Amino acid sequence: MQMTRNTILITGGTSGIGRALAEAFHKLGNQVIIAGRRKALLDSVAAANPGMKSAVLDVQDSAKLNDFTAQIAEAFPSLNVLINNAGIMRPENLNKMPADLTAAEAIIETNLLAPMRLTASLLPLLKKQPRSSVMMVSSGLAFLPMAMTPTYCATKAAIHSYTQSLRYQLKDTAVEVLELVPPYVATELGGARQANDPRAMPLAEFTAEVMEILQTKPEAKEICVKRVYPLRFAAEEGQAKYEEQFLGFNNSVAAAASV
């Protein structure tokens, strides 16, 4: 992925990893457009970064997607990078009866269907550029799930699989397909507790390592900071070791949640 002279659209760009990436790419002189649901928050982030643009987008509202795409194509005809970052995480109790799938459906809509739809909608514009990139944001939990957030982990596993297929199908085009695989990062994805958890990787540290990988390893298809290696490569140690790690990881998460 080229690091400068881009026009970049980032979903979920008002907080957490999305905002951090938006500001990092903005500092390199790229034209960055952050997308999100809340206009006031978008305006606030853009105002804090002179030159950054914003666009209102509710990724769950598929009925308005064509209008959004048309507006982006008209305002930013040179758009050549899409970063699908918007996501939500919710704990779910699968023992609860009767089952309530409201949270699960919202997670699937936001984390899986929305990036699929937005990518498909913007792909014709991206294909017009001499060189373009699509970055999907998955998670280390795609490879070793956290049982208390089953649908979140399932959507991220699906994003990993979908990204591989998308990359293969676009291999003869000018569109490269990347996957960013974050570890446990100090953001508010899991609430205020995660944002202040000393066990989480500091957001600034994560962002700096991601940008370094993008700059120094242009051939990388998966962007994995070192802190995510235990999750990303858990299965490569064999089934018995994986099961041991899965159990230990989820037992420690359950113990921490009960405190």
C-alpha atoms as a PDB file:
ATOM      1  CA  MET A   1       0.000   0.000   0.000  1.00  0.00           C
ATOM      2  CA  GLN A   2       1.397   3.391  -0.920  1.00  0.00           C
ATOM      3  CA  MET A   3       1.565   5.711   2.075  1.00  0.00           C
ATOM      4  CA  THR A   4       1.145   9.109   0.423  1.00  0.00           C
ATOM      5  CA  ARG A   5      -0.876  10.764  -2.365  1.00  0.00           C
ATOM      6  CA  ASN A   6      -3.978   8.780  -1.425  1.00  0.00           C
ATOM      7  CA  THR A   7      -7.618   9.674  -1.012  1.00  0.00           C
ATOM      8  CA  ILE A   8      -8.774   7.473   1.866  1.00  0.00           C
ATOM      9  CA  LEU A   9     -12.240   6.696   3.205  1.00  0.00           C
ATOM     10  CA  ILE A  10     -12.288   5.236   6.722  1.00  0.00           C
ATOM     11  CA  THR A  11     -15.488   3.973   8.345  1.00  0.00           C
ATOM     12  CA  GLY A  12     -15.776   4.280  12.100  1.00  0.00           C
ATOM     13  CA  GLY A  13     -13.284   7.106  11.869  1.00  0.00           C
ATOM     14  CA  THR A  14     -14.368   9.133  14.893  1.00  0.00           C
ATOM     15  CA  SER A  15     -12.863   7.001  17.650  1.00  0.00           C
ATOM     16  CA  GLY A  16     -10.497   4.190  18.488  1.00  0.00           C
ATOM     17  CA  ILE A  17      -8.474   2.507  15.775  1.00  0.00           C
ATOM     18  CA  GLY A  18     -10.391   4.273  12.999  1.00  0.00           C
ATOM     19  CA  ARG A  19      -9.602   7.740  14.271  1.00  0.00           C
ATOM     20  CA  ALA A  20      -5.993   6.835  15.040  1.00  0.00           C
ATOM     21  CA  LEU A  21      -5.436   5.555  11.500  1.00  0.00           C
ATOM     22  CA  ALA A  22      -7.237   8.547  10.018  1.00  0.00           C
ATOM     23  CA  GLU A  23      -4.991  10.969  11.874  1.00  0.00           C
ATOM     24  CA  ALA A  24      -1.846   8.991  11.063  1.00  0.00           C
ATOM     25  CA  PHE A  25      -2.592   8.970   7.330  1.00  0.00           C
ATOM     26  CA  HIS A  26      -3.687  12.609   7.478  1.00  0.00           C
ATOM     27  CA  LYS A  27      -0.307  13.595   8.962  1.00  0.00           C
ATOM     28  CA  LEU A  28       1.380  12.003   5.949  1.00  0.00           C
ATOM     29  CA  GLY A  29      -0.466  14.396   3.658  1.00  0.00           C
ATOM     30  CA  ASN A  30      -3.180  12.064   2.417  1.00  0.00           C
ATOM     31  CA  GLN A  31      -6.717  13.280   1.806  1.00  0.00           C
ATOM     32  CA  VAL A  32      -8.685  11.476   4.498  1.00  0.00           C
ATOM     33  CA  ILE A  33     -12.474  11.203   4.733  1.00  0.00           C
ATOM     34  CA  ILE A  34     -13.876   9.829   7.979  1.00  0.00           C
ATOM     35  CA  ALA A  35     -17.331   8.268   7.924  1.00  0.00           C
ATOM     36  CA  GLY A  36     -19.674   7.673  10.829  1.00  0.00           C
ATOM     37  CA  ARG A  37     -23.233   8.085  12.088  1.00  0.00           C
ATOM     38  CA  ARG A  38     -22.911  11.211  14.246  1.00  0.00           C
ATOM     39  CA  LYS A  39     -22.366  14.427  12.300  1.00  0.00           C
ATOM     40  CA  ALA A  40     -21.409  16.501  15.329  1.00  0.00           C
ATOM     41  CA  LEU A  41     -18.673  14.058  16.277  1.00  0.00           C
ATOM     42  CA  LEU A  42     -17.468  13.847  12.673  1.00  0.00           C
ATOM     43  CA  ASP A  43     -17.274  17.631  12.512  1.00  0.00           C
ATOM     44  CA  SER A  44     -15.349  17.739  15.795  1.00  0.00           C
ATOM     45  CA  VAL A  45     -12.715  15.242  14.629  1.00  0.00           C
ATOM     46  CA  ALA A  46     -12.363  16.937  11.245  1.00  0.00           C
ATOM     47  CA  ALA A  47     -12.001  20.343  12.898  1.00  0.00           C
ATOM     48  CA  ALA A  48      -9.205  18.979  15.064  1.00  0.00           C
ATOM     49  CA  ASN A  49      -7.406  17.884  11.886  1.00  0.00           C
ATOM     50  CA  PRO A  50      -7.562  20.774   9.382  1.00  0.00           C
ATOM     51  CA  GLY A  51      -8.044  19.474   5.863  1.00  0.00           C
ATOM     52  CA  MET A  52      -9.649  16.217   6.934  1.00  0.00           C
ATOM     53  CA  LYS A  53     -13.130  15.654   5.470  1.00  0.00           C
ATOM     54  CA  SER A  54     -16.154  13.832   6.851  1.00  0.00           C
ATOM     55  CA  ALA A  55     -19.217  12.055   5.531  1.00  0.00           C
ATOM     56  CA  VAL A  56     -22.279  10.852   7.419  1.00  0.00           C
ATOM     57  CA  LEU A  57     -22.807   7.115   6.983  1.00  0.00           C
ATOM     58  CA  ASP A  58     -24.869   4.659   8.996  1.00  0.00           C
ATOM     59  CA  VAL A  59     -23.328   1.367   7.876  1.00  0.00           C
ATOM     60  CA  GLN A  60     -26.479  -0.491   8.952  1.00  0.00           C
ATOM     61  CA  ASP A  61     -28.693   1.582   6.626  1.00  0.00           C
ATOM     62  CA  SER A  62     -28.235  -0.249   3.333  1.00  0.00           C
ATOM     63  CA  ALA A  63     -31.098   1.700   1.723  1.00  0.00           C
ATOM     64  CA  LYS A  64     -28.947   4.855   1.659  1.00  0.00           C
ATOM     65  CA  LEU A  65     -25.745   3.198   0.471  1.00  0.00           C
ATOM     66  CA  ASN A  66     -26.151   3.974  -3.241  1.00  0.00           C
ATOM     67  CA  ASP A  67     -26.725   7.660  -2.487  1.00  0.00           C
ATOM     68  CA  PHE A  68     -23.676   7.713  -0.216  1.00  0.00           C
ATOM     69  CA  THR A  69     -21.497   6.072  -2.859  1.00  0.00           C
ATOM     70  CA  ALA A  70     -22.665   8.523  -5.502  1.00  0.00           C
ATOM     71  CA  GLN A  71     -21.894  11.477  -3.230  1.00  0.00           C
ATOM     72  CA  ILE A  72     -18.413  10.134  -2.448  1.00  0.00           C
ATOM     73  CA  ALA A  73     -17.670   9.479  -6.124  1.00  0.00           C
ATOM     74  CA  GLU A  74     -18.727  13.016  -7.046  1.00  0.00           C
ATOM     75  CA  ALA A  75     -16.884  14.742  -4.215  1.00  0.00           C
ATOM     76  CA  PHE A  76     -13.779  12.526  -4.266  1.00  0.00           C
ATOM     77  CA  PRO A  77     -13.360  11.041  -7.747  1.00  0.00           C
ATOM     78  CA  SER A  78      -9.757  10.085  -6.956  1.00  0.00           C
ATOM     79  CA  LEU A  79     -10.745   7.861  -4.003  1.00  0.00           C
ATOM     80  CA  ASN A  80      -8.296   4.971  -4.037  1.00  0.00           C
ATOM     81  CA  VAL A  81      -8.287   3.553  -0.494  1.00  0.00           C
ATOM     82  CA  LEU A  82     -11.170   2.118   1.510  1.00  0.00           C
ATOM     83  CA  ILE A  83     -10.602   1.073   5.121  1.00  0.00           C
ATOM     84  CA  ASN A  84     -13.541  -0.918   6.507  1.00  0.00           C
ATOM     85  CA  ASN A  85     -13.043  -0.323  10.207  1.00  0.00           C
ATOM     86  CA  ALA A  86     -16.500   0.279  11.730  1.00  0.00           C
ATOM     87  CA  GLY A  87     -17.488  -2.462  14.136  1.00  0.00           C
ATOM     88  CA  ILE A  88     -19.354  -3.227  17.345  1.00  0.00           C
ATOM     89  CA  MET A  89     -18.813  -5.806  20.074  1.00  0.00           C
ATOM     90  CA  ARG A  90     -21.393  -7.012  22.573  1.00  0.00           C
ATOM     91  CA  PRO A  91     -21.223  -9.768  25.196  1.00  0.00           C
ATOM     92  CA  GLU A  92     -23.871 -12.457  24.685  1.00  0.00           C
ATOM     93  CA  ASN A  93     -25.253 -15.104  27.039  1.00  0.00           C
ATOM     94  CA  LEU A  94     -26.066 -18.108  24.868  1.00  0.00           C
ATOM     95  CA  ASN A  95     -27.623 -19.885  27.878  1.00  0.00           C
ATOM     96  CA  LYS A  96     -30.339 -17.260  28.164  1.00  0.00           C
ATOM     97  CA  MET A  97     -33.797 -18.522  27.276  1.00  0.00           C
ATOM     98  CA  PRO A  98     -35.678 -17.592  25.262  1.00  0.00           C
ATOM     99  CA  ALA A  99     -32.870 -16.601  22.930  1.00  0.00           C
ATOM    100  CA  ASP A 100     -32.682 -12.920  21.967  1.00  0.00           C
ATOM    101  CA  LEU A 101     -30.735 -12.457  18.723  1.00  0.00           C
ATOM    102  CA  THR A 102     -31.155  -8.684  18.529  1.00  0.00           C
ATOM    103  CA  ALA A 103     -27.549  -8.006  19.483  1.00  0.00           C
ATOM    104  CA  ALA A 104     -26.229 -10.771  17.228  1.00  0.00           C
ATOM    105  CA  GLU A 105     -28.125  -9.442  14.224  1.00  0.00           C
ATOM    106  CA  ALA A 106     -26.825  -5.901  14.774  1.00  0.00           C
ATOM    107  CA  ILE A 107     -23.256  -7.191  15.065  1.00  0.00           C
ATOM    108  CA  ILE A 108     -23.561  -9.191  11.845  1.00  0.00           C
ATOM    109  CA  GLU A 109     -25.088  -6.211  10.054  1.00  0.00           C
ATOM    110  CA  THR A 110     -22.320  -3.838  11.158  1.00  0.00           C
ATOM    111  CA  ASN A 111     -19.254  -6.063  11.186  1.00  0.00           C
ATOM    112  CA  LEU A 112     -19.879  -8.304   8.191  1.00  0.00           C
ATOM    113  CA  LEU A 113     -22.651  -7.200   5.841  1.00  0.00           C
ATOM    114  CA  ALA A 114     -21.770  -3.490   5.961  1.00  0.00           C
ATOM    115  CA  PRO A 115     -18.136  -3.846   4.817  1.00  0.00           C
ATOM    116  CA  MET A 116     -19.206  -6.329   2.140  1.00  0.00           C
ATOM    117  CA  ARG A 117     -21.828  -3.902   0.830  1.00  0.00           C
ATOM    118  CA  LEU A 118     -19.620  -0.820   0.979  1.00  0.00           C
ATOM    119  CA  THR A 119     -16.738  -2.584  -0.741  1.00  0.00           C
ATOM    120  CA  ALA A 120     -18.997  -3.836  -3.526  1.00  0.00           C
ATOM    121  CA  SER A 121     -20.526  -0.396  -3.938  1.00  0.00           C
ATOM    122  CA  LEU A 122     -17.176   1.430  -4.154  1.00  0.00           C
ATOM    123  CA  LEU A 123     -15.295  -1.190  -6.134  1.00  0.00           C
ATOM    124  CA  PRO A 124     -16.149   0.306  -9.556  1.00  0.00           C
ATOM    125  CA  LEU A 125     -14.617   3.625  -8.448  1.00  0.00           C
ATOM    126  CA  LEU A 126     -11.577   1.923  -6.922  1.00  0.00           C
ATOM    127  CA  LYS A 127     -10.998  -0.048 -10.117  1.00  0.00           C
ATOM    128  CA  LYS A 128     -10.799   3.192 -12.096  1.00  0.00           C
ATOM    129  CA  GLN A 129      -7.711   4.302 -10.193  1.00  0.00           C
ATOM    130  CA  PRO A 130      -4.172   3.410 -11.332  1.00  0.00           C
ATOM    131  CA  ARG A 131      -3.584   1.857  -7.933  1.00  0.00           C
ATOM    132  CA  SER A 132      -5.972   1.294  -5.039  1.00  0.00           C
ATOM    133  CA  SER A 133      -6.396  -0.626  -1.795  1.00  0.00           C
ATOM    134  CA  VAL A 134      -9.142  -2.136   0.312  1.00  0.00           C
ATOM    135  CA  MET A 135      -8.267  -2.776   3.942  1.00  0.00           C
ATOM    136  CA  MET A 136     -10.533  -4.977   6.023  1.00  0.00           C
ATOM    137  CA  VAL A 137     -10.168  -4.788   9.803  1.00  0.00           C
ATOM    138  CA  SER A 138     -10.611  -8.197  11.397  1.00  0.00           C
ATOM    139  CA  SER A 139      -9.294  -9.184  14.832  1.00  0.00           C
ATOM    140  CA  GLY A 140      -7.002 -11.604  16.593  1.00  0.00           C
ATOM    141  CA  LEU A 141     -10.264 -13.034  17.933  1.00  0.00           C
ATOM    142  CA  ALA A 142     -11.026 -14.287  14.420  1.00  0.00           C
ATOM    143  CA  PHE A 143      -8.375 -16.940  15.069  1.00  0.00           C
ATOM    144  CA  LEU A 144      -8.928 -17.703  18.752  1.00  0.00           C
ATOM    145  CA  PRO A 145     -12.414 -16.605  19.827  1.00  0.00           C
ATOM    146  CA  MET A 146     -13.431 -15.016  23.099  1.00  0.00           C
ATOM    147  CA  ALA A 147     -16.473 -17.048  24.100  1.00  0.00           C
ATOM    148  CA  MET A 148     -18.283 -14.188  25.830  1.00  0.00           C
ATOM    149  CA  THR A 149     -18.529 -12.313  22.494  1.00  0.00           C
ATOM    150  CA  PRO A 150     -19.402 -15.187  20.121  1.00  0.00           C
ATOM    151  CA  THR A 151     -21.015 -13.256  17.278  1.00  0.00           C
ATOM    152  CA  TYR A 152     -18.298 -10.602  17.211  1.00  0.00           C
ATOM    153  CA  CYS A 153     -15.641 -13.299  16.884  1.00  0.00           C
ATOM    154  CA  ALA A 154     -17.665 -15.129  14.247  1.00  0.00           C
ATOM    155  CA  THR A 155     -18.026 -11.986  12.129  1.00  0.00           C
ATOM    156  CA  LYS A 156     -14.297 -11.327  12.317  1.00  0.00           C
ATOM    157  CA  ALA A 157     -13.541 -14.908  11.288  1.00  0.00           C
ATOM    158  CA  ALA A 158     -15.913 -14.382   8.361  1.00  0.00           C
ATOM    159  CA  ILE A 159     -14.172 -11.128   7.454  1.00  0.00           C
ATOM    160  CA  HIS A 160     -10.829 -12.962   7.376  1.00  0.00           C
ATOM    161  CA  SER A 161     -12.237 -15.599   5.040  1.00  0.00           C
ATOM    162  CA  TYR A 162     -14.041 -13.057   2.852  1.00  0.00           C
ATOM    163  CA  THR A 163     -10.875 -10.961   2.583  1.00  0.00           C
ATOM    164  CA  GLN A 164      -8.909 -13.940   1.307  1.00  0.00           C
ATOM    165  CA  SER A 165     -11.491 -14.609  -1.386  1.00  0.00           C
ATOM    166  CA  LEU A 166     -11.742 -10.942  -2.330  1.00  0.00           C
ATOM    167  CA  ARG A 167      -7.958 -10.740  -2.643  1.00  0.00           C
ATOM    168  CA  TYR A 168      -7.890 -13.758  -4.932  1.00  0.00           C
ATOM    169  CA  GLN A 169     -10.709 -12.510  -7.148  1.00  0.00           C
ATOM    170  CA  LEU A 170      -9.081  -9.086  -7.515  1.00  0.00           C
ATOM    171  CA  LYS A 171      -5.545 -10.397  -8.049  1.00  0.00           C
ATOM    172  CA  ASP A 172      -5.527  -9.378 -11.720  1.00  0.00           C
ATOM    173  CA  THR A 173      -6.742  -5.842 -11.023  1.00  0.00           C
ATOM    174  CA  ALA A 174      -5.030  -2.751  -9.621  1.00  0.00           C
ATOM    175  CA  VAL A 175      -6.890  -3.203  -6.314  1.00  0.00           C
ATOM    176  CA  GLU A 176      -4.828  -4.753  -3.529  1.00  0.00           C
ATOM    177  CA  VAL A 177      -6.656  -6.267  -0.573  1.00  0.00           C
ATOM    178  CA  LEU A 178      -5.189  -6.035   2.937  1.00  0.00           C
ATOM    179  CA  GLU A 179      -6.296  -7.327   6.304  1.00  0.00           C
ATOM    180  CA  LEU A 180      -5.509  -5.503   9.538  1.00  0.00           C
ATOM    181  CA  VAL A 181      -5.557  -7.911  12.502  1.00  0.00           C
ATOM    182  CA  PRO A 182      -5.636  -5.967  15.794  1.00  0.00           C
ATOM    183  CA  PRO A 183      -4.956  -7.531  19.195  1.00  0.00           C
ATOM    184  CA  TYR A 184      -6.637  -6.325  22.385  1.00  0.00           C
ATOM    185  CA  VAL A 185      -6.194  -2.549  22.039  1.00  0.00           C
ATOM    186  CA  ALA A 186      -7.088   0.169  24.537  1.00  0.00           C
ATOM    187  CA  THR A 187     -10.197   1.526  22.819  1.00  0.00           C
ATOM    188  CA  GLU A 188     -13.844   1.770  23.826  1.00  0.00           C
ATOM    189  CA  LEU A 189     -14.887  -1.114  21.567  1.00  0.00           C
ATOM    190  CA  GLY A 190     -15.635  -3.186  24.650  1.00  0.00           C
ATOM    191  CA  GLY A 191     -16.597  -0.213  26.812  1.00  0.00           C
ATOM    192  CA  ALA A 192     -14.746   2.102  29.175  1.00  0.00           C
ATOM    193  CA  ARG A 193     -13.177  -0.836  30.974  1.00  0.00           C
ATOM    194  CA  GLN A 194     -11.262  -1.859  27.839  1.00  0.00           C
ATOM    195  CA  ALA A 195     -10.144   1.699  27.186  1.00  0.00           C
ATOM    196  CA  ASN A 196      -8.501   1.812  30.610  1.00  0.00           C
ATOM    197  CA  ASP A 197      -7.327  -1.785  30.872  1.00  0.00           C
ATOM    198  CA  PRO A 198      -3.541  -1.950  31.490  1.00  0.00           C
ATOM    199  CA  ARG A 199      -3.494  -5.353  29.737  1.00  0.00           C
ATOM    200  CA  ALA A 200      -4.610  -3.745  26.465  1.00  0.00           C
ATOM    201  CA  MET A 201      -2.069  -2.536  23.928  1.00  0.00           C
ATOM    202  CA  PRO A 202      -1.910   1.274  24.029  1.00  0.00           C
ATOM    203  CA  LEU A 203      -3.623   2.732  20.977  1.00  0.00           C
ATOM    204  CA  ALA A 204      -0.711   5.005  20.065  1.00  0.00           C
ATOM    205  CA  GLU A 205       1.729   2.079  20.253  1.00  0.00           C
ATOM    206  CA  PHE A 206      -0.542  -0.066  18.081  1.00  0.00           C
ATOM    207  CA  THR A 207      -0.974   2.670  15.482  1.00  0.00           C
ATOM    208  CA  ALA A 208       2.752   3.379  15.288  1.00  0.00           C
ATOM    209  CA  GLU A 209       3.551  -0.300  14.717  1.00  0.00           C
ATOM    210  CA  VAL A 210       0.837  -0.634  12.064  1.00  0.00           C
ATOM    211  CA  MET A 211       2.146   2.373  10.161  1.00  0.00           C
ATOM    212  CA  GLU A 212       5.700   1.042  10.409  1.00  0.00           C
ATOM    213  CA  ILE A 213       4.627  -2.317   8.955  1.00  0.00           C
ATOM    214  CA  LEU A 214       2.805  -0.591   6.110  1.00  0.00           C
ATOM    215  CA  GLN A 215       5.862   1.530   5.354  1.00  0.00           C
ATOM    216  CA  THR A 216       8.549  -1.135   5.647  1.00  0.00           C
ATOM    217  CA  LYS A 217       6.726  -4.249   4.426  1.00  0.00           C
ATOM    218  CA  PRO A 218       4.781  -3.181   1.328  1.00  0.00           C
ATOM    219  CA  GLU A 219       4.344  -6.824   0.330  1.00  0.00           C
ATOM    220  CA  ALA A 220       2.444  -7.713   3.534  1.00  0.00           C
ATOM    221  CA  LYS A 221      -1.142  -8.794   3.003  1.00  0.00           C
ATOM    222  CA  GLU A 222      -1.945  -9.281   6.680  1.00  0.00           C
ATOM    223  CA  ILE A 223      -0.937  -6.438   8.978  1.00  0.00           C
ATOM    224  CA  CYS A 224      -0.177  -8.088  12.319  1.00  0.00           C
ATOM    225  CA  VAL A 225       1.548  -6.304  15.181  1.00  0.00           C
ATOM    226  CA  LYS A 226       3.612  -8.600  17.403  1.00  0.00           C
ATOM    227  CA  ARG A 227       1.086  -8.447  20.244  1.00  0.00           C
ATOM    228  CA  VAL A 228      -1.462 -10.310  18.093  1.00  0.00           C
ATOM    229  CA  TYR A 229       0.830 -13.228  17.195  1.00  0.00           C
ATOM    230  CA  PRO A 230      -0.359 -15.531  20.046  1.00  0.00           C
ATOM    231  CA  LEU A 231      -3.940 -15.246  18.779  1.00  0.00           C
ATOM    232  CA  ARG A 232      -3.227 -15.161  15.048  1.00  0.00           C
ATOM    233  CA  PHE A 233      -0.982 -18.224  15.065  1.00  0.00           C
ATOM    234  CA  ALA A 234      -2.601 -20.228  17.879  1.00  0.00           C
ATOM    235  CA  ALA A 235      -3.846 -22.969  15.554  1.00  0.00           C
ATOM    236  CA  GLU A 236      -0.402 -23.463  14.046  1.00  0.00           C
ATOM    237  CA  GLU A 237       0.817 -25.054  17.282  1.00  0.00           C
ATOM    238  CA  GLY A 238      -1.463 -28.060  16.821  1.00  0.00           C
ATOM    239  CA  GLN A 239      -4.951 -28.980  18.005  1.00  0.00           C
ATOM    240  CA  ALA A 240      -4.024 -29.971  21.561  1.00  0.00           C
ATOM    241  CA  LYS A 241      -2.060 -26.781  22.175  1.00  0.00           C
ATOM    242  CA  TYR A 242      -4.806 -24.716  20.586  1.00  0.00           C
ATOM    243  CA  GLU A 243      -7.468 -26.239  22.846  1.00  0.00           C
ATOM    244  CA  GLU A 244      -5.267 -25.578  25.866  1.00  0.00           C
ATOM    245  CA  GLN A 245      -4.778 -21.945  24.835  1.00  0.00           C
ATOM    246  CA  PHE A 246      -8.469 -21.485  24.052  1.00  0.00           C
ATOM    247  CA  LEU A 247      -9.485 -22.794  27.464  1.00  0.00           C
ATOM    248  CA  GLY A 248      -6.853 -20.828  29.356  1.00  0.00           C
ATOM    249  CA  PHE A 249      -7.632 -17.621  27.466  1.00  0.00           C
ATOM    250  CA  ASN A 250     -11.371 -17.839  28.052  1.00  0.00           C
ATOM    251  CA  ASN A 251     -10.996 -18.855  31.685  1.00  0.00           C
ATOM    252  CA  SER A 252      -8.838 -15.781  32.287  1.00  0.00           C
ATOM    253  CA  VAL A 253     -11.356 -13.551  30.491  1.00  0.00           C
ATOM    254  CA  ALA A 254     -14.216 -14.975  32.559  1.00  0.00           C
ATOM    255  CA  ALA A 255     -12.255 -14.475  35.777  1.00  0.00           C
ATOM    256  CA  ALA A 256     -11.450 -10.863  34.908  1.00  0.00           C
ATOM    257  CA  ALA A 257     -15.088 -10.161  33.990  1.00  0.00           C
ATOM    258  CA  SER A 258     -16.286 -11.452  37.370  1.00  0.00           C
ATOM    259  CA  VAL A 259     -14.103  -9.045  39.358  1.00  0.00           C
END
